[in-house]
Amino acid sequence: MQGNLLLIQKKRRSDSQGVASLNDFHFREAEPIDAELVVWNRDVTLYCLDHENRRAIFTDASSEYIDTQPFLYNAQYESARRLIAIPYDVLHALANQIDIDANRVTFLYSTGRCGSTLVGQVFREIPGVSVFLEPDVFTQLTDIRQRSASSDMEIGKLVDSCTKLLCASRGRSASAWVFKFRSDVTLGDLFHISLPEARVIFMYRGAEGYARSAARAYDLMMRHDRQALESRNIAEWNNCAELGTRERAIEILAANWVSAMTHCQRIRDVGAPMFITRYEDLRANPLAVLAAVIRHCGLPEIGPDVIARVLCRDSQEGSDLSRRTVAANEGLREEELEVLRDAIRRCGGRIAPDFVIPGTFAVD
């Protein structure tokens, strides 16, 4: 089985928080390469899909660097030495040779801005656990599912194969795998079909705290085209604010928060073994919450001194979302919080800004 080597001539990504894409690189198609390389080489990890040409794109990059950085997609881009393109049929054939124990897999979903990166860093402290912090191929698959003519059967097959290839990339030293995604839950049903025994964690935060934090972390005055892309969850709304405005950005935050909260409950309703926790509880009693998370995943306990060491660090240090970077950014004004509340009333149904999901872990 063969793939193709792509030689990087220039890195040209303009948005450090943008979804990973082959367009991040100017490259030259080179010679064929043994496709087995993407299975056994620890430095080779799945980066994105070239869906138009039906191939998966892997980076050959420093695994030592990648395993210490807060976000996989950024680390892959920054340290990529070359790319490898694998046709979908070969990707699926390779995945069919990989046997993964679903009981040793954990999927970590969230609303975003709720401590999920911190939890991912705690998992990194457990020997034998490989942690993928925001593998962007799944962010891309979310968009493909919503915007293309691809069927759920095709997307589900890609979800399954991409998951297996990422697990295999960490080698035989890994005894468990944790996937922490960006703030999107809409592939959860397909992950559950692929690996029904996999453990699931959902983390969330009250809408107003989430929105305040997101406003500081992200550029609300994003370009018109970026806002149009991010508006997928409000596609059927009436009377949306104008593209390019802060009001439209706040509506997007509201809709994305409601979407994550709604999809969480749908995944739980189909029987996924789910642990649900809130940022507010994590912040008030981190040792109890983190110990419960680790127990849910069936992983070895780690000492409170180890957890305390992680808590003292900025889990997003080294990225554009570090505390130092976002501290001085503008938050939301009271009138903008009212825009948020109104948007949630329009799209949230029974989900209010302070909604607590039934079954959320409660610290005794």
Protein backbone atom coordinates (compact mmCIF):
# COMPACT_ATOMS: atom_id res chain seq x y z
CA MET A 1 0.00 0.00 0.00
CA GLN A 2 1.31 3.40 -0.98
CA GLY A 3 0.89 7.06 -0.21
CA ASN A 4 2.66 10.14 -1.50
CA LEU A 5 5.31 12.33 0.04
CA LEU A 6 4.56 16.07 -0.02
CA LEU A 7 7.59 18.33 0.44
CA ILE A 8 6.83 21.53 2.35
CA GLN A 9 8.13 24.62 0.57
CA LYS A 10 6.47 27.22 2.77
CA LYS A 11 4.19 27.38 5.81
CA ARG A 12 1.46 29.95 5.21
CA ARG A 13 -1.25 29.64 7.84
CA SER A 14 -2.71 33.07 8.63
CA ASP A 15 -4.91 32.16 11.62
CA SER A 16 -3.34 30.26 14.51
CA GLN A 17 -6.80 29.21 15.72
CA GLY A 18 -8.09 28.24 12.28
CA VAL A 19 -9.05 24.66 11.47
CA ALA A 20 -6.14 22.59 10.14
CA SER A 21 -6.04 22.40 6.35
CA LEU A 22 -3.73 21.31 3.58
CA ASN A 23 -3.87 24.95 2.49
CA ASP A 24 -1.73 25.75 5.54
CA PHE A 25 1.25 24.65 3.44
CA HIS A 26 2.70 25.43 0.05
CA PHE A 27 4.07 22.05 -1.01
CA ARG A 28 5.36 19.98 -3.89
CA GLU A 29 4.14 16.47 -4.69
CA ALA A 30 7.09 14.07 -4.48
CA GLU A 31 7.71 10.34 -4.71
CA PRO A 32 5.47 7.48 -3.54
CA ILE A 33 6.04 6.26 0.01
CA ASP A 34 5.16 3.13 1.97
CA ALA A 35 1.80 3.80 3.62
CA GLU A 36 2.72 1.63 6.61
CA LEU A 37 4.92 4.53 7.72
CA VAL A 38 1.85 6.35 9.11
CA VAL A 39 1.14 3.41 11.42
CA TRP A 40 4.50 2.63 13.01
CA ASN A 41 6.35 5.97 12.99
CA ARG A 42 5.64 7.92 16.18
CA ASP A 43 6.57 11.22 14.52
CA VAL A 44 3.86 10.80 11.87
CA THR A 45 0.38 11.86 12.97
CA LEU A 46 -2.87 12.63 11.22
CA TYR A 47 -3.27 16.38 10.61
CA CYS A 48 -6.26 16.92 8.31
CA LEU A 49 -8.18 15.63 5.31
CA ASP A 50 -7.96 16.68 1.68
CA HIS A 51 -11.58 15.67 1.25
CA GLU A 52 -11.90 16.97 -2.29
CA ASN A 53 -9.16 14.61 -3.41
CA ARG A 54 -10.18 11.87 -0.95
CA ARG A 55 -6.93 11.58 0.95
CA ALA A 56 -5.74 12.00 4.53
CA ILE A 57 -2.79 14.27 5.31
CA PHE A 58 -0.22 13.36 7.95
CA THR A 59 2.59 15.51 9.32
CA ASP A 60 6.07 14.17 9.95
CA ALA A 61 6.95 16.26 13.00
CA SER A 62 8.70 16.01 16.35
CA SER A 63 6.65 13.76 18.65
CA GLU A 64 8.63 14.98 21.65
CA TYR A 65 7.57 18.55 20.89
CA ILE A 66 3.97 17.61 20.06
CA ASP A 67 3.49 15.70 23.31
CA THR A 68 4.32 18.76 25.42
CA GLN A 69 2.21 21.38 23.62
CA PRO A 70 -1.34 22.44 24.57
CA PHE A 71 -2.89 21.88 21.13
CA LEU A 72 -2.04 19.09 18.69
CA TYR A 73 -2.96 20.97 15.51
CA ASN A 74 -0.67 23.91 16.38
CA ALA A 75 2.23 21.68 17.37
CA GLN A 76 1.92 19.63 14.18
CA TYR A 77 1.94 22.75 12.03
CA GLU A 78 4.84 24.40 13.85
CA SER A 79 7.14 21.36 13.80
CA ALA A 80 6.11 19.74 10.50
CA ARG A 81 9.09 18.69 8.38
CA ARG A 82 7.14 17.07 5.55
CA LEU A 83 3.64 15.80 4.76
CA ILE A 84 2.37 12.39 3.73
CA ALA A 85 -0.86 11.93 1.74
CA ILE A 86 -2.74 8.63 2.10
CA PRO A 87 -5.76 7.84 -0.13
CA TYR A 88 -8.98 7.10 1.73
CA ASP A 89 -9.10 3.48 0.56
CA VAL A 90 -5.58 2.89 1.88
CA LEU A 91 -6.44 4.75 5.12
CA HIS A 92 -9.38 2.40 5.71
CA ALA A 93 -7.32 -0.68 4.82
CA LEU A 94 -4.66 0.32 7.35
CA ALA A 95 -7.30 1.03 10.01
CA ASN A 96 -8.84 -2.40 9.49
CA GLN A 97 -5.55 -3.93 10.65
CA ILE A 98 -5.56 -1.99 13.93
CA ASP A 99 -7.31 -3.44 16.97
CA ILE A 100 -8.18 -0.90 19.69
CA ASP A 101 -9.72 -1.80 23.05
CA ALA A 102 -12.63 0.65 23.23
CA ASN A 103 -12.69 0.39 27.02
CA ARG A 104 -9.30 2.10 27.04
CA VAL A 105 -10.47 5.06 24.95
CA THR A 106 -11.90 8.28 26.40
CA PHE A 107 -13.61 11.06 24.47
CA LEU A 108 -13.58 14.45 26.19
CA TYR A 109 -16.20 16.90 24.91
CA SER A 110 -16.94 20.38 26.18
CA THR A 111 -18.58 23.72 25.59
CA GLY A 112 -15.12 25.25 25.60
CA ARG A 113 -13.63 27.68 28.15
CA CYS A 114 -14.40 25.25 30.98
CA GLY A 115 -11.13 23.62 31.99
CA SER A 116 -11.04 20.78 29.48
CA THR A 117 -7.46 21.54 28.42
CA LEU A 118 -6.45 21.39 32.09
CA VAL A 119 -8.08 17.97 32.41
CA GLY A 120 -6.22 16.83 29.31
CA GLN A 121 -2.95 17.94 30.92
CA VAL A 122 -3.82 15.90 34.03
CA PHE A 123 -4.33 12.81 31.86
CA ARG A 124 -0.84 13.37 30.46
CA GLU A 125 0.56 12.74 33.94
CA ILE A 126 -0.77 9.16 34.00
CA PRO A 127 1.84 6.66 32.75
CA GLY A 128 0.84 4.87 29.56
CA VAL A 129 -1.91 7.32 28.62
CA SER A 130 -1.60 9.04 25.23
CA VAL A 131 -3.50 12.31 25.04
CA PHE A 132 -4.59 14.06 21.86
CA LEU A 133 -5.47 17.67 22.68
CA GLU A 134 -7.65 18.95 19.84
CA PRO A 135 -6.86 16.70 16.86
CA ASP A 136 -8.27 18.94 14.16
CA VAL A 137 -9.15 16.23 11.67
CA PHE A 138 -12.36 15.78 13.72
CA THR A 139 -13.10 19.52 13.70
CA GLN A 140 -12.81 19.31 9.93
CA LEU A 141 -15.06 16.25 9.79
CA THR A 142 -17.71 18.15 11.76
CA ASP A 143 -17.74 20.83 9.08
CA ILE A 144 -17.70 18.26 6.25
CA ARG A 145 -20.68 16.50 7.83
CA GLN A 146 -22.67 19.72 8.01
CA ARG A 147 -21.72 21.27 4.70
CA SER A 148 -21.07 18.50 2.17
CA ALA A 149 -23.09 15.80 0.50
CA SER A 150 -21.13 13.10 2.31
CA SER A 151 -23.34 10.56 4.07
CA ASP A 152 -23.16 9.73 7.77
CA MET A 153 -21.97 6.28 6.72
CA GLU A 154 -18.96 7.79 4.94
CA ILE A 155 -18.24 10.29 7.74
CA GLY A 156 -18.60 7.52 10.34
CA LYS A 157 -16.11 5.35 8.49
CA LEU A 158 -13.63 8.24 8.43
CA VAL A 159 -14.21 8.88 12.15
CA ASP A 160 -13.44 5.23 12.88
CA SER A 161 -10.32 5.06 10.70
CA CYS A 162 -8.91 8.40 11.87
CA THR A 163 -9.37 7.41 15.52
CA LYS A 164 -7.56 4.10 15.02
CA LEU A 165 -4.67 5.66 13.10
CA LEU A 166 -4.14 8.28 15.79
CA CYS A 167 -4.15 5.63 18.51
CA ALA A 168 -1.67 3.50 16.56
CA SER A 169 0.67 6.47 16.10
CA ARG A 170 1.58 6.37 19.80
CA GLY A 171 2.94 2.83 19.52
CA ARG A 172 2.71 -0.15 21.84
CA SER A 173 3.78 1.88 24.86
CA ALA A 174 0.28 3.37 25.06
CA SER A 175 -2.23 1.47 27.18
CA ALA A 176 -5.02 4.07 26.96
CA TRP A 177 -5.95 7.00 24.76
CA VAL A 178 -7.73 10.28 25.50
CA PHE A 179 -9.15 12.51 22.78
CA LYS A 180 -9.96 16.05 23.87
CA PHE A 181 -11.81 17.93 21.13
CA ARG A 182 -12.41 21.56 20.36
CA SER A 183 -15.71 22.92 21.68
CA ASP A 184 -17.95 20.80 19.48
CA VAL A 185 -19.94 17.66 20.28
CA THR A 186 -21.73 16.99 17.01
CA LEU A 187 -19.67 13.90 16.04
CA GLY A 188 -20.45 12.24 19.38
CA ASP A 189 -23.07 9.92 17.91
CA LEU A 190 -20.63 8.64 15.27
CA PHE A 191 -17.88 8.08 17.85
CA HIS A 192 -20.38 6.10 19.93
CA ILE A 193 -21.28 3.93 16.93
CA SER A 194 -17.60 3.35 16.19
CA LEU A 195 -16.50 2.63 19.79
CA PRO A 196 -19.63 2.13 21.93
CA GLU A 197 -17.68 1.07 25.03
CA ALA A 198 -15.46 4.16 25.01
CA ARG A 199 -15.71 6.36 28.11
CA VAL A 200 -17.16 9.83 27.61
CA ILE A 201 -16.61 13.03 29.57
CA PHE A 202 -18.59 16.21 29.03
CA MET A 203 -17.47 19.46 30.63
CA TYR A 204 -19.45 22.67 30.61
CA ARG A 205 -19.76 26.08 32.17
CA GLY A 206 -22.63 28.50 32.77
CA ALA A 207 -23.33 30.45 29.60
CA GLU A 208 -22.39 33.87 30.92
CA GLY A 209 -19.05 32.76 32.36
CA TYR A 210 -18.36 30.84 29.15
CA ALA A 211 -19.14 33.86 26.98
CA ARG A 212 -17.09 36.26 29.08
CA SER A 213 -14.10 33.94 28.87
CA ALA A 214 -14.58 33.30 25.15
CA ALA A 215 -14.82 37.02 24.42
CA ARG A 216 -11.43 37.54 26.04
CA ALA A 217 -9.87 34.51 24.37
CA TYR A 218 -11.12 34.93 20.82
CA ASP A 219 -11.39 37.80 18.40
CA LEU A 220 -15.11 38.65 18.38
CA MET A 221 -14.56 41.08 15.52
CA MET A 222 -13.60 38.24 13.19
CA ARG A 223 -13.74 38.61 9.43
CA HIS A 224 -17.10 38.37 7.65
CA ASP A 225 -16.15 35.07 6.01
CA ARG A 226 -15.07 33.56 9.35
CA GLN A 227 -18.32 34.68 10.99
CA ALA A 228 -20.29 33.20 8.12
CA LEU A 229 -18.50 29.87 8.64
CA GLU A 230 -19.02 29.97 12.41
CA SER A 231 -22.73 30.77 11.99
CA ARG A 232 -23.68 27.17 11.14
CA ASN A 233 -25.63 26.74 14.40
CA ILE A 234 -27.83 29.78 13.68
CA ALA A 235 -28.49 29.03 10.02
CA GLU A 236 -32.26 28.84 10.55
CA TRP A 237 -32.62 31.81 12.91
CA ASN A 238 -34.66 34.85 11.99
CA ASN A 239 -33.49 38.41 12.68
CA CYS A 240 -29.81 37.59 13.17
CA ALA A 241 -27.44 40.47 13.73
CA GLU A 242 -25.39 41.69 10.78
CA LEU A 243 -22.27 39.78 9.82
CA GLY A 244 -19.07 41.34 11.09
CA THR A 245 -20.59 42.79 14.26
CA ARG A 246 -19.96 41.93 17.90
CA GLU A 247 -23.69 41.17 18.24
CA ARG A 248 -23.43 38.46 15.57
CA ALA A 249 -20.37 37.03 17.31
CA ILE A 250 -22.26 36.87 20.62
CA GLU A 251 -25.16 35.11 18.89
CA ILE A 252 -22.65 32.57 17.59
CA LEU A 253 -21.31 32.00 21.12
CA ALA A 254 -24.86 31.47 22.40
CA ALA A 255 -25.76 29.03 19.64
CA ASN A 256 -22.53 27.04 19.99
CA TRP A 257 -23.02 26.76 23.75
CA VAL A 258 -26.61 25.56 23.35
CA SER A 259 -25.55 23.12 20.62
CA ALA A 260 -22.90 21.54 22.86
CA MET A 261 -25.30 21.26 25.81
CA THR A 262 -27.98 19.69 23.60
CA HIS A 263 -25.69 17.19 21.91
CA CYS A 264 -24.25 16.12 25.25
CA GLN A 265 -27.67 14.98 26.38
CA ARG A 266 -28.33 13.22 23.07
CA ILE A 267 -25.11 11.21 23.38
CA ARG A 268 -25.99 10.22 26.93
CA ASP A 269 -29.50 9.23 25.85
CA VAL A 270 -28.13 6.66 23.38
CA GLY A 271 -26.28 4.92 26.20
CA ALA A 272 -22.75 6.32 26.13
CA PRO A 273 -20.98 5.82 29.49
CA MET A 274 -20.79 9.52 30.31
CA PHE A 275 -19.36 11.56 33.16
CA ILE A 276 -20.63 15.15 33.28
CA THR A 277 -18.96 17.91 35.26
CA ARG A 278 -19.02 21.71 35.48
CA TYR A 279 -16.19 24.23 35.45
CA GLU A 280 -17.66 25.82 38.55
CA ASP A 281 -17.28 22.56 40.49
CA LEU A 282 -13.83 21.88 39.04
CA ARG A 283 -12.66 25.27 40.21
CA ALA A 284 -14.22 24.92 43.68
CA ASN A 285 -12.98 21.38 44.38
CA PRO A 286 -10.43 20.31 41.74
CA LEU A 287 -9.01 17.29 43.57
CA ALA A 288 -12.42 15.66 44.05
CA VAL A 289 -13.58 16.34 40.50
CA LEU A 290 -10.35 15.18 38.85
CA ALA A 291 -10.20 12.03 40.96
CA ALA A 292 -13.77 11.19 39.91
CA VAL A 293 -12.93 11.82 36.24
CA ILE A 294 -9.94 9.48 36.41
CA ARG A 295 -11.99 6.76 38.15
CA HIS A 296 -14.70 7.01 35.49
CA CYS A 297 -12.09 6.34 32.82
CA GLY A 298 -10.76 3.28 34.64
CA LEU A 299 -7.26 4.74 34.86
CA PRO A 300 -4.73 4.55 37.70
CA GLU A 301 -5.01 7.18 40.40
CA ILE A 302 -2.38 9.89 40.60
CA GLY A 303 -1.32 11.69 43.74
CA PRO A 304 -2.71 15.05 44.82
CA ASP A 305 0.81 16.50 44.59
CA VAL A 306 0.88 15.66 40.87
CA ILE A 307 -2.52 17.25 40.33
CA ALA A 308 -1.46 20.31 42.33
CA ARG A 309 1.56 20.70 40.08
CA VAL A 310 -0.66 20.70 36.99
CA LEU A 311 -3.06 23.18 38.59
CA CYS A 312 -0.21 25.61 39.17
CA ARG A 313 0.62 25.71 35.46
CA ASP A 314 -1.19 27.55 32.69
CA SER A 315 -2.58 24.62 30.69
CA GLN A 316 -2.59 26.74 27.52
CA GLU A 317 0.87 28.26 27.94
CA GLY A 318 2.68 28.45 24.62
CA SER A 319 -0.47 29.21 22.64
CA ASP A 320 -2.46 32.32 21.72
CA LEU A 321 -4.88 31.36 24.51
CA SER A 322 -2.40 31.59 27.38
CA ARG A 323 -3.47 33.59 30.42
CA ARG A 324 -0.91 36.28 29.71
CA THR A 325 -2.16 36.68 26.16
CA VAL A 326 -5.87 36.97 26.91
CA ALA A 327 -5.77 38.78 30.27
CA ALA A 328 -5.90 42.28 28.80
CA ASN A 329 -8.51 41.51 26.13
CA GLU A 330 -11.96 43.04 26.29
CA GLY A 331 -14.73 41.01 27.88
CA LEU A 332 -18.48 41.47 27.52
CA ARG A 333 -20.40 44.48 28.69
CA GLU A 334 -23.74 44.10 30.49
CA GLU A 335 -25.73 45.06 27.40
CA GLU A 336 -23.83 42.41 25.45
CA LEU A 337 -24.66 39.80 28.08
CA GLU A 338 -28.29 40.68 27.46
CA VAL A 339 -27.75 39.92 23.76
CA LEU A 340 -26.43 36.53 24.88
CA ARG A 341 -29.42 35.87 27.15
CA ASP A 342 -31.85 36.84 24.39
CA ALA A 343 -30.09 34.56 21.89
CA ILE A 344 -30.26 31.61 24.31
CA ARG A 345 -33.97 32.27 24.86
CA ARG A 346 -34.46 32.09 21.09
CA CYS A 347 -32.54 28.87 20.50
CA GLY A 348 -32.20 27.14 23.84
CA GLY A 349 -35.70 25.87 24.54
CA ARG A 350 -35.62 24.70 28.16
CA ILE A 351 -31.86 25.32 28.38
CA ALA A 352 -31.34 28.56 30.28
CA PRO A 353 -27.94 30.29 30.75
CA ASP A 354 -27.57 28.76 34.23
CA PHE A 355 -28.94 25.31 33.26
CA VAL A 356 -27.45 22.36 35.16
CA ILE A 357 -27.57 19.11 33.20
CA PRO A 358 -29.29 16.33 35.18
CA GLY A 359 -26.70 13.83 36.38
CA THR A 360 -23.87 16.38 36.64
CA PHE A 361 -21.27 15.17 39.14
CA ALA A 362 -21.83 16.67 42.57
CA VAL A 363 -19.06 16.91 45.12
CA ASP A 364 -20.23 15.50 48.47
